[in-house]
Amino acid sequence: MKKLPYLLVLSGLISAPALAEDSPHSLSANVSMTSDYVFRGISQSSGDPAIQGGFDYSHSSGLYLGTWGSNVSWIKDFQGYQNGSLELDLYGGFRNSIGDTGVSYDVGVVSYMYPGEKAGATDADTTEVYASLGWKWFSLKYSYATSSGTFGFANARGSNYLDLSASVPIGETGLTAGAHWGTFKFKNNGPQDYDDWKVSLAYDLGQASKSMSGVTIGIAYTDTDATSANWRNITADATDLSKSATSLWIAKSF
């Protein structure tokens, strides 16, 4: 199946319910396709494409709830599940800004769920609480694992991830440059620790045509300093999930 036409079909079918303009409630949706689903520097799809999408609810007070999903391959190929190819995230929190300072904050909780037959493998489901601060184009986010396991590593409650990111619009061109650095510390699983980094460039196609409003395309390069032996699939191909990768993506928001 050709994935790009499939994505565009999805874009035409998924829409958020309309709400009154003065309502404190808002709903939004998104759908995207990427040539490689990379999360915190680690490929979740072994370098293969992924189709993704989600729905979000927000209230004018700052409260928000959402869900997001993607196909993944690491559940079987790295973790050793008998079957499973889905990531489903549920999250909620509160975000707001501090007066006219330009400073924003966000606190919440997210649950990453990976349904499938574990076949004796460690449960990959993970719950994190997080807090972030933002200023103009920059953000700093700290995530702390409260579940006993962290993405398939046992006895890892207390693992944490620190994320420093920037997203800078380039004038009125519709282009946005991005940069990211992160560090993952695994409780009781020190050999898995690593840093990761990313640079990206995105273009808002709505800048060129109103008919493409809400459609964005982009390219990203990611890399890590992870020990490759600790991040290889257990399948015959032994793909290194932590190696550098360049990915392309297209997304539609509603």
C-alpha atoms as a PDB file:
ATOM      1  CA  MET A   1       0.000   0.000   0.000  1.00  0.00           C
ATOM      2  CA  LYS A   2       1.276   3.470  -0.849  1.00  0.00           C
ATOM      3  CA  LYS A   3       1.328   5.275   2.489  1.00  0.00           C
ATOM      4  CA  LEU A   4       1.159   8.915   1.315  1.00  0.00           C
ATOM      5  CA  PRO A   5      -2.210   8.621  -0.494  1.00  0.00           C
ATOM      6  CA  TYR A   6      -3.486   6.668   2.508  1.00  0.00           C
ATOM      7  CA  LEU A   7      -2.448   9.510   4.797  1.00  0.00           C
ATOM      8  CA  LEU A   8      -4.219  12.074   2.655  1.00  0.00           C
ATOM      9  CA  VAL A   9      -7.380   9.968   2.719  1.00  0.00           C
ATOM     10  CA  LEU A  10      -7.168   9.923   6.515  1.00  0.00           C
ATOM     11  CA  SER A  11      -6.673  13.682   6.505  1.00  0.00           C
ATOM     12  CA  GLY A  12      -9.938  14.093   4.666  1.00  0.00           C
ATOM     13  CA  LEU A  13     -11.871  11.770   6.941  1.00  0.00           C
ATOM     14  CA  ILE A  14     -10.762  12.867  10.392  1.00  0.00           C
ATOM     15  CA  SER A  15     -12.077  16.150  11.723  1.00  0.00           C
ATOM     16  CA  ALA A  16     -12.761  17.633  15.120  1.00  0.00           C
ATOM     17  CA  PRO A  17     -16.364  18.325  16.123  1.00  0.00           C
ATOM     18  CA  ALA A  18     -17.345  21.976  15.763  1.00  0.00           C
ATOM     19  CA  LEU A  19     -17.861  24.017  18.925  1.00  0.00           C
ATOM     20  CA  ALA A  20     -19.303  27.472  19.438  1.00  0.00           C
ATOM     21  CA  GLU A  21     -16.714  30.196  18.929  1.00  0.00           C
ATOM     22  CA  ASP A  22     -17.184  31.533  22.457  1.00  0.00           C
ATOM     23  CA  SER A  23     -17.049  28.091  24.087  1.00  0.00           C
ATOM     24  CA  PRO A  24     -14.322  27.511  26.699  1.00  0.00           C
ATOM     25  CA  HIS A  25     -13.921  24.019  25.252  1.00  0.00           C
ATOM     26  CA  SER A  26     -11.902  23.131  22.178  1.00  0.00           C
ATOM     27  CA  LEU A  27     -11.223  19.901  20.302  1.00  0.00           C
ATOM     28  CA  SER A  28      -8.480  19.197  17.799  1.00  0.00           C
ATOM     29  CA  ALA A  29      -7.109  16.252  15.869  1.00  0.00           C
ATOM     30  CA  ASN A  30      -3.946  15.369  13.998  1.00  0.00           C
ATOM     31  CA  VAL A  31      -2.715  12.703  11.620  1.00  0.00           C
ATOM     32  CA  SER A  32       0.770  12.176  10.237  1.00  0.00           C
ATOM     33  CA  MET A  33       3.119   9.810   8.496  1.00  0.00           C
ATOM     34  CA  THR A  34       6.848   9.565   9.133  1.00  0.00           C
ATOM     35  CA  SER A  35       9.525   7.556   7.354  1.00  0.00           C
ATOM     36  CA  ASP A  36      10.936   6.509  10.761  1.00  0.00           C
ATOM     37  CA  TYR A  37       9.290   6.922  14.173  1.00  0.00           C
ATOM     38  CA  VAL A  38      12.089   8.135  16.459  1.00  0.00           C
ATOM     39  CA  PHE A  39      11.310   8.794  20.142  1.00  0.00           C
ATOM     40  CA  ARG A  40      13.991  10.233  22.405  1.00  0.00           C
ATOM     41  CA  GLY A  41      16.605   9.259  19.836  1.00  0.00           C
ATOM     42  CA  ILE A  42      15.522   5.601  19.632  1.00  0.00           C
ATOM     43  CA  SER A  43      13.737   4.226  16.553  1.00  0.00           C
ATOM     44  CA  GLN A  44      10.388   2.722  17.521  1.00  0.00           C
ATOM     45  CA  SER A  45       9.817   1.275  14.047  1.00  0.00           C
ATOM     46  CA  SER A  46      13.270  -0.109  13.165  1.00  0.00           C
ATOM     47  CA  GLY A  47      13.672   2.514  10.453  1.00  0.00           C
ATOM     48  CA  ASP A  48      10.338   1.730   8.803  1.00  0.00           C
ATOM     49  CA  PRO A  49       7.429   4.160   8.197  1.00  0.00           C
ATOM     50  CA  ALA A  50       4.768   4.831  10.809  1.00  0.00           C
ATOM     51  CA  ILE A  51       1.260   6.265  10.592  1.00  0.00           C
ATOM     52  CA  GLN A  52       0.211   8.271  13.633  1.00  0.00           C
ATOM     53  CA  GLY A  53      -2.680  10.308  14.909  1.00  0.00           C
ATOM     54  CA  GLY A  54      -4.435  11.693  17.931  1.00  0.00           C
ATOM     55  CA  PHE A  55      -7.211  13.775  19.472  1.00  0.00           C
ATOM     56  CA  ASP A  56      -6.985  16.545  22.059  1.00  0.00           C
ATOM     57  CA  TYR A  57      -9.443  18.355  24.308  1.00  0.00           C
ATOM     58  CA  SER A  58      -8.554  21.620  26.041  1.00  0.00           C
ATOM     59  CA  HIS A  59     -10.345  24.075  28.288  1.00  0.00           C
ATOM     60  CA  SER A  60      -9.717  27.803  28.474  1.00  0.00           C
ATOM     61  CA  SER A  61      -8.617  27.331  32.096  1.00  0.00           C
ATOM     62  CA  GLY A  62      -5.547  25.418  30.860  1.00  0.00           C
ATOM     63  CA  LEU A  63      -6.804  21.885  31.499  1.00  0.00           C
ATOM     64  CA  TYR A  64      -6.192  19.399  28.679  1.00  0.00           C
ATOM     65  CA  LEU A  65      -6.664  15.704  27.879  1.00  0.00           C
ATOM     66  CA  GLY A  66      -5.578  13.717  24.867  1.00  0.00           C
ATOM     67  CA  THR A  67      -4.769  10.445  23.206  1.00  0.00           C
ATOM     68  CA  TRP A  68      -2.278   9.551  20.483  1.00  0.00           C
ATOM     69  CA  GLY A  69      -1.284   6.359  18.707  1.00  0.00           C
ATOM     70  CA  SER A  70       1.294   4.938  16.302  1.00  0.00           C
ATOM     71  CA  ASN A  71       2.407   1.640  14.875  1.00  0.00           C
ATOM     72  CA  VAL A  72       5.673   0.344  16.380  1.00  0.00           C
ATOM     73  CA  SER A  73       7.885  -2.701  15.854  1.00  0.00           C
ATOM     74  CA  TRP A  74      10.206  -2.713  18.875  1.00  0.00           C
ATOM     75  CA  ILE A  75       7.667  -4.470  21.092  1.00  0.00           C
ATOM     76  CA  LYS A  76       8.331  -7.709  19.217  1.00  0.00           C
ATOM     77  CA  ASP A  77      11.735  -7.092  17.636  1.00  0.00           C
ATOM     78  CA  PHE A  78      13.501  -5.643  20.704  1.00  0.00           C
ATOM     79  CA  GLN A  79      11.374  -6.444  23.742  1.00  0.00           C
ATOM     80  CA  GLY A  80      10.415  -9.973  22.735  1.00  0.00           C
ATOM     81  CA  TYR A  81       6.611  -9.779  22.843  1.00  0.00           C
ATOM     82  CA  GLN A  82       4.928 -12.609  20.976  1.00  0.00           C
ATOM     83  CA  ASN A  83       2.811 -10.014  19.188  1.00  0.00           C
ATOM     84  CA  GLY A  84       2.094  -6.308  19.397  1.00  0.00           C
ATOM     85  CA  SER A  85       2.527  -3.427  17.003  1.00  0.00           C
ATOM     86  CA  LEU A  86       0.709  -0.489  18.635  1.00  0.00           C
ATOM     87  CA  GLU A  87       1.635   2.366  20.929  1.00  0.00           C
ATOM     88  CA  LEU A  88      -1.323   4.110  22.547  1.00  0.00           C
ATOM     89  CA  ASP A  89      -0.730   7.149  24.755  1.00  0.00           C
ATOM     90  CA  LEU A  90      -3.183   8.758  27.173  1.00  0.00           C
ATOM     91  CA  TYR A  91      -2.270  12.049  28.806  1.00  0.00           C
ATOM     92  CA  GLY A  92      -3.661  14.981  30.702  1.00  0.00           C
ATOM     93  CA  GLY A  93      -2.471  18.034  32.523  1.00  0.00           C
ATOM     94  CA  PHE A  94      -2.613  21.753  33.040  1.00  0.00           C
ATOM     95  CA  ARG A  95      -0.763  24.460  31.110  1.00  0.00           C
ATOM     96  CA  ASN A  96      -0.809  28.227  31.208  1.00  0.00           C
ATOM     97  CA  SER A  97       1.347  31.326  30.926  1.00  0.00           C
ATOM     98  CA  ILE A  98       2.649  33.670  33.618  1.00  0.00           C
ATOM     99  CA  GLY A  99       1.285  37.137  32.933  1.00  0.00           C
ATOM    100  CA  ASP A 100       3.054  39.014  30.143  1.00  0.00           C
ATOM    101  CA  THR A 101       6.456  37.515  30.886  1.00  0.00           C
ATOM    102  CA  GLY A 102       6.396  35.180  27.914  1.00  0.00           C
ATOM    103  CA  VAL A 103       6.963  32.289  30.321  1.00  0.00           C
ATOM    104  CA  SER A 104       4.664  29.267  30.098  1.00  0.00           C
ATOM    105  CA  TYR A 105       4.399  26.103  32.166  1.00  0.00           C
ATOM    106  CA  ASP A 106       2.905  22.643  31.746  1.00  0.00           C
ATOM    107  CA  VAL A 107       2.446  19.846  34.291  1.00  0.00           C
ATOM    108  CA  GLY A 108       0.816  16.490  33.642  1.00  0.00           C
ATOM    109  CA  VAL A 109       0.923  12.727  33.426  1.00  0.00           C
ATOM    110  CA  VAL A 110       1.214  10.407  30.424  1.00  0.00           C
ATOM    111  CA  SER A 111       0.708   6.677  30.098  1.00  0.00           C
ATOM    112  CA  TYR A 112       2.450   4.858  27.227  1.00  0.00           C
ATOM    113  CA  MET A 113       0.661   1.576  26.551  1.00  0.00           C
ATOM    114  CA  TYR A 114       1.795  -1.271  24.298  1.00  0.00           C
ATOM    115  CA  PRO A 115      -0.903  -3.965  24.013  1.00  0.00           C
ATOM    116  CA  GLY A 116       0.253  -7.433  23.031  1.00  0.00           C
ATOM    117  CA  GLU A 117       1.190 -10.913  24.256  1.00  0.00           C
ATOM    118  CA  LYS A 118       4.269 -10.501  26.455  1.00  0.00           C
ATOM    119  CA  ALA A 119       5.368 -14.151  26.209  1.00  0.00           C
ATOM    120  CA  GLY A 120       7.465 -13.742  29.381  1.00  0.00           C
ATOM    121  CA  ALA A 121       8.987 -10.397  28.366  1.00  0.00           C
ATOM    122  CA  THR A 122       9.043  -7.474  30.807  1.00  0.00           C
ATOM    123  CA  ASP A 123       5.961  -5.281  30.578  1.00  0.00           C
ATOM    124  CA  ALA A 124       6.752  -2.236  28.415  1.00  0.00           C
ATOM    125  CA  ASP A 125       3.850  -0.066  29.630  1.00  0.00           C
ATOM    126  CA  THR A 126       5.192   3.115  31.220  1.00  0.00           C
ATOM    127  CA  THR A 127       3.683   5.994  33.197  1.00  0.00           C
ATOM    128  CA  GLU A 128       5.477   9.314  33.606  1.00  0.00           C
ATOM    129  CA  VAL A 129       4.723  12.591  35.328  1.00  0.00           C
ATOM    130  CA  TYR A 130       6.222  15.669  33.736  1.00  0.00           C
ATOM    131  CA  ALA A 131       6.756  19.392  34.182  1.00  0.00           C
ATOM    132  CA  SER A 132       8.014  21.928  31.694  1.00  0.00           C
ATOM    133  CA  LEU A 133       8.850  25.607  31.393  1.00  0.00           C
ATOM    134  CA  GLY A 134       8.809  27.546  28.141  1.00  0.00           C
ATOM    135  CA  TRP A 135      10.008  30.963  27.059  1.00  0.00           C
ATOM    136  CA  LYS A 136       9.467  32.246  23.538  1.00  0.00           C
ATOM    137  CA  TRP A 137      11.065  29.573  21.321  1.00  0.00           C
ATOM    138  CA  PHE A 138      12.676  27.510  24.090  1.00  0.00           C
ATOM    139  CA  SER A 139      11.407  24.816  26.457  1.00  0.00           C
ATOM    140  CA  LEU A 140      12.814  22.661  29.227  1.00  0.00           C
ATOM    141  CA  LYS A 141      10.923  19.514  30.234  1.00  0.00           C
ATOM    142  CA  TYR A 142      11.544  16.909  32.939  1.00  0.00           C
ATOM    143  CA  SER A 143       9.805  13.519  32.889  1.00  0.00           C
ATOM    144  CA  TYR A 144       9.867  11.023  35.793  1.00  0.00           C
ATOM    145  CA  ALA A 145       8.767   7.396  35.546  1.00  0.00           C
ATOM    146  CA  THR A 146       6.349   6.310  38.272  1.00  0.00           C
ATOM    147  CA  SER A 147       5.727   2.794  36.945  1.00  0.00           C
ATOM    148  CA  SER A 148       7.838  -0.128  38.162  1.00  0.00           C
ATOM    149  CA  GLY A 149       9.104  -0.708  34.638  1.00  0.00           C
ATOM    150  CA  THR A 150      10.279   1.897  32.127  1.00  0.00           C
ATOM    151  CA  PHE A 151       9.812   1.028  28.453  1.00  0.00           C
ATOM    152  CA  GLY A 152      10.517  -2.624  29.087  1.00  0.00           C
ATOM    153  CA  PHE A 153      13.324  -2.314  31.660  1.00  0.00           C
ATOM    154  CA  ALA A 154      12.446  -3.867  35.011  1.00  0.00           C
ATOM    155  CA  ASN A 155      12.710  -2.282  38.461  1.00  0.00           C
ATOM    156  CA  ALA A 156      13.199   1.113  36.825  1.00  0.00           C
ATOM    157  CA  ARG A 157      10.805   3.358  38.766  1.00  0.00           C
ATOM    158  CA  GLY A 158      12.556   6.709  39.094  1.00  0.00           C
ATOM    159  CA  SER A 159      14.054   6.726  35.609  1.00  0.00           C
ATOM    160  CA  ASN A 160      14.005  10.232  34.201  1.00  0.00           C
ATOM    161  CA  TYR A 161      14.399  12.176  30.975  1.00  0.00           C
ATOM    162  CA  LEU A 162      15.470  15.806  30.603  1.00  0.00           C
ATOM    163  CA  ASP A 163      14.590  17.554  27.336  1.00  0.00           C
ATOM    164  CA  LEU A 164      15.884  20.951  26.162  1.00  0.00           C
ATOM    165  CA  SER A 165      14.321  22.078  22.881  1.00  0.00           C
ATOM    166  CA  ALA A 166      14.029  25.114  20.649  1.00  0.00           C
ATOM    167  CA  SER A 167      11.623  25.848  17.793  1.00  0.00           C
ATOM    168  CA  VAL A 168      12.420  29.058  15.906  1.00  0.00           C
ATOM    169  CA  PRO A 169      10.302  30.504  13.064  1.00  0.00           C
ATOM    170  CA  ILE A 170      12.387  31.800  10.165  1.00  0.00           C
ATOM    171  CA  GLY A 171      10.790  35.147   9.414  1.00  0.00           C
ATOM    172  CA  GLU A 172       7.576  34.952   7.402  1.00  0.00           C
ATOM    173  CA  THR A 173       8.790  32.075   5.231  1.00  0.00           C
ATOM    174  CA  GLY A 174       6.654  29.373   6.837  1.00  0.00           C
ATOM    175  CA  LEU A 175       9.839  27.550   7.832  1.00  0.00           C
ATOM    176  CA  THR A 176      10.602  26.588  11.424  1.00  0.00           C
ATOM    177  CA  ALA A 177      14.020  25.391  12.573  1.00  0.00           C
ATOM    178  CA  GLY A 178      14.193  23.026  15.510  1.00  0.00           C
ATOM    179  CA  ALA A 179      16.921  21.761  17.824  1.00  0.00           C
ATOM    180  CA  HIS A 180      16.803  19.340  20.745  1.00  0.00           C
ATOM    181  CA  TRP A 181      19.064  17.733  23.321  1.00  0.00           C
ATOM    182  CA  GLY A 182      17.952  15.138  25.837  1.00  0.00           C
ATOM    183  CA  THR A 183      19.405  12.800  28.411  1.00  0.00           C
ATOM    184  CA  PHE A 184      17.781   9.566  29.649  1.00  0.00           C
ATOM    185  CA  LYS A 185      18.800   8.066  32.999  1.00  0.00           C
ATOM    186  CA  PHE A 186      17.504   4.558  33.759  1.00  0.00           C
ATOM    187  CA  LYS A 187      17.108   3.651  37.416  1.00  0.00           C
ATOM    188  CA  ASN A 188      18.874   0.338  38.184  1.00  0.00           C
ATOM    189  CA  ASN A 189      19.625  -0.040  34.454  1.00  0.00           C
ATOM    190  CA  GLY A 190      22.626   2.246  34.097  1.00  0.00           C
ATOM    191  CA  PRO A 191      24.085   0.644  30.928  1.00  0.00           C
ATOM    192  CA  GLN A 192      21.020   1.889  29.039  1.00  0.00           C
ATOM    193  CA  ASP A 193      21.710   5.566  29.845  1.00  0.00           C
ATOM    194  CA  TYR A 194      22.306   7.848  26.879  1.00  0.00           C
ATOM    195  CA  ASP A 195      22.078  11.372  25.491  1.00  0.00           C
ATOM    196  CA  ASP A 196      20.305  12.192  22.247  1.00  0.00           C
ATOM    197  CA  TRP A 197      20.061  15.199  19.972  1.00  0.00           C
ATOM    198  CA  LYS A 198      18.059  16.330  16.953  1.00  0.00           C
ATOM    199  CA  VAL A 199      17.961  19.105  14.382  1.00  0.00           C
ATOM    200  CA  SER A 200      14.920  19.641  12.180  1.00  0.00           C
ATOM    201  CA  LEU A 201      13.326  21.890   9.603  1.00  0.00           C
ATOM    202  CA  ALA A 202       9.557  22.123   9.044  1.00  0.00           C
ATOM    203  CA  TYR A 203       7.505  23.963   6.436  1.00  0.00           C
ATOM    204  CA  ASP A 204       3.875  25.048   6.751  1.00  0.00           C
ATOM    205  CA  LEU A 205       2.309  24.330   3.362  1.00  0.00           C
ATOM    206  CA  GLY A 206      -0.570  26.621   4.287  1.00  0.00           C
ATOM    207  CA  GLN A 207       1.876  29.475   3.757  1.00  0.00           C
ATOM    208  CA  ALA A 208       1.851  28.713   0.033  1.00  0.00           C
ATOM    209  CA  SER A 209      -1.771  27.656  -0.450  1.00  0.00           C
ATOM    210  CA  LYS A 210      -4.895  28.080   1.673  1.00  0.00           C
ATOM    211  CA  SER A 211      -6.083  24.681   0.450  1.00  0.00           C
ATOM    212  CA  MET A 212      -3.123  23.145   2.344  1.00  0.00           C
ATOM    213  CA  SER A 213      -3.921  24.891   5.621  1.00  0.00           C
ATOM    214  CA  GLY A 214      -2.864  22.781   8.590  1.00  0.00           C
ATOM    215  CA  VAL A 215      -0.484  20.631   6.533  1.00  0.00           C
ATOM    216  CA  THR A 216       3.183  20.591   7.517  1.00  0.00           C
ATOM    217  CA  ILE A 217       6.142  18.728   6.051  1.00  0.00           C
ATOM    218  CA  GLY A 218       9.537  18.313   7.640  1.00  0.00           C
ATOM    219  CA  ILE A 219      12.897  16.624   7.864  1.00  0.00           C
ATOM    220  CA  ALA A 220      14.832  15.687  11.008  1.00  0.00           C
ATOM    221  CA  TYR A 221      18.240  14.247  11.822  1.00  0.00           C
ATOM    222  CA  THR A 222      18.679  12.418  15.129  1.00  0.00           C
ATOM    223  CA  ASP A 223      21.607  10.731  16.862  1.00  0.00           C
ATOM    224  CA  THR A 224      22.624   9.372  20.278  1.00  0.00           C
ATOM    225  CA  ASP A 225      25.688   8.347  22.241  1.00  0.00           C
ATOM    226  CA  ALA A 226      23.968   5.126  23.371  1.00  0.00           C
ATOM    227  CA  THR A 227      25.921   1.872  23.530  1.00  0.00           C
ATOM    228  CA  SER A 228      24.647   0.158  20.397  1.00  0.00           C
ATOM    229  CA  ALA A 229      24.961  -3.333  21.878  1.00  0.00           C
ATOM    230  CA  ASN A 230      22.284  -2.384  24.430  1.00  0.00           C
ATOM    231  CA  TRP A 231      19.802  -1.166  21.818  1.00  0.00           C
ATOM    232  CA  ARG A 232      19.849  -3.873  19.146  1.00  0.00           C
ATOM    233  CA  ASN A 233      16.811  -5.901  18.121  1.00  0.00           C
ATOM    234  CA  ILE A 234      16.859  -9.530  19.228  1.00  0.00           C
ATOM    235  CA  THR A 235      15.689 -10.551  15.748  1.00  0.00           C
ATOM    236  CA  ALA A 236      18.081 -11.861  13.092  1.00  0.00           C
ATOM    237  CA  ASP A 237      18.642  -8.424  11.586  1.00  0.00           C
ATOM    238  CA  ALA A 238      19.940  -7.083  14.960  1.00  0.00           C
ATOM    239  CA  THR A 239      19.030  -3.521  13.938  1.00  0.00           C
ATOM    240  CA  ASP A 240      20.637  -0.844  16.126  1.00  0.00           C
ATOM    241  CA  LEU A 241      17.680   1.289  17.234  1.00  0.00           C
ATOM    242  CA  SER A 242      19.960   4.005  18.641  1.00  0.00           C
ATOM    243  CA  LYS A 243      21.921   4.779  15.476  1.00  0.00           C
ATOM    244  CA  SER A 244      21.722   8.127  13.675  1.00  0.00           C
ATOM    245  CA  ALA A 245      18.701   8.552  11.416  1.00  0.00           C
ATOM    246  CA  THR A 246      17.223  11.018   8.965  1.00  0.00           C
ATOM    247  CA  SER A 247      13.453  11.009   8.738  1.00  0.00           C
ATOM    248  CA  LEU A 248      10.838  12.767   6.624  1.00  0.00           C
ATOM    249  CA  TRP A 249       7.290  13.474   7.737  1.00  0.00           C
ATOM    250  CA  ILE A 250       4.014  15.029   6.713  1.00  0.00           C
ATOM    251  CA  ALA A 251       1.285  16.031   9.161  1.00  0.00           C
ATOM    252  CA  LYS A 252      -2.213  17.472   9.085  1.00  0.00           C
ATOM    253  CA  SER A 253      -3.887  19.214  12.018  1.00  0.00           C
ATOM    254  CA  PHE A 254      -7.591  20.011  12.333  1.00  0.00           C
END
